[in-house]
Protein backbone atom coordinates (compact mmCIF):
# COMPACT_ATOMS: atom_id res chain seq x y z
CA MET A 1 153.86 96.55 91.78
CA ASP A 2 153.22 100.09 91.93
CA SER A 3 154.61 102.18 94.75
CA ASN A 4 151.43 102.35 96.74
CA ARG A 5 151.55 98.61 97.18
CA ILE A 6 155.29 98.50 97.73
CA LYS A 7 155.02 101.07 100.60
CA GLY A 8 151.81 99.43 102.02
CA GLU A 9 153.67 95.96 101.96
CA ALA A 10 156.71 97.75 104.00
CA ARG A 11 154.30 99.23 106.56
CA LYS A 12 152.80 95.77 107.15
CA VAL A 13 156.23 94.02 107.31
CA LYS A 14 157.37 97.07 109.86
CA GLY A 15 154.08 96.28 111.90
CA SER A 16 154.92 92.68 112.03
CA ILE A 17 158.46 93.13 113.07
CA LYS A 18 157.26 95.36 116.05
CA GLU A 19 154.51 92.98 117.20
CA ALA A 20 157.17 90.09 117.07
CA ALA A 21 159.83 92.19 118.99
CA GLY A 22 157.06 93.39 121.39
CA LYS A 23 156.06 89.70 121.97
CA ILE A 24 159.71 88.30 122.35
CA THR A 25 160.90 91.01 124.84
CA GLY A 26 157.32 91.46 126.72
CA ASP A 27 156.73 94.86 125.62
CA ARG A 28 153.21 95.15 125.32
CA SER A 29 152.90 98.61 124.05
CA LEU A 30 155.54 97.61 120.96
CA GLU A 31 153.23 94.65 120.43
CA ALA A 32 150.25 96.96 120.32
CA GLU A 33 151.63 99.48 117.99
CA GLY A 34 152.87 96.73 115.57
CA ILE A 35 149.00 95.21 115.74
CA ALA A 36 148.13 98.73 115.24
CA GLU A 37 150.18 99.61 111.92
CA LYS A 38 149.12 96.24 110.40
CA ALA A 39 145.35 97.27 110.96
CA ALA A 40 145.87 100.80 109.58
CA GLU A 41 147.47 99.21 106.52
CA LEU A 42 144.47 97.05 106.22
CA ARG A 43 141.81 99.76 106.63
CA ALA A 44 143.95 101.97 103.79
CA VAL A 45 143.90 98.80 101.51
CA ARG A 46 140.06 98.28 101.78
CA ARG A 47 139.46 102.31 101.64
CA ARG A 48 141.65 102.15 98.26
CA GLN A 49 139.51 99.18 97.19
CA GLY A 50 136.35 101.23 97.69
CA GLY A 51 135.15 99.05 100.75
CA ARG A 52 133.85 96.38 98.21
CA GLN A 53 135.58 93.60 99.37
CA GLY A 54 133.28 92.72 102.07
CA ALA A 55 130.47 93.29 100.00
CA ARG A 56 131.69 90.37 97.52
CA ARG A 57 132.19 88.03 100.68
CA HIS A 58 128.93 88.65 102.14
CA PRO A 59 126.11 89.30 99.18
CA GLN A 60 123.53 89.91 101.69
CA MET A 61 125.30 93.14 102.73
CA ILE A 62 124.68 94.69 99.25
CA GLY A 63 121.78 97.12 99.84
């Protein structure tokens, strides 16, 4: 794995932990923060892939 993937996985894990902690404690803002961190990492991964992932799944979207 390269360093970007390791950092990305670490951010996803951090987001998952925050989300779980928020659910357990009833802290909705902590839960939302965790969800946002995971979503931000997913967007970064798609950006690094050039946004092609969705086009492969949905060929009709290719223009």
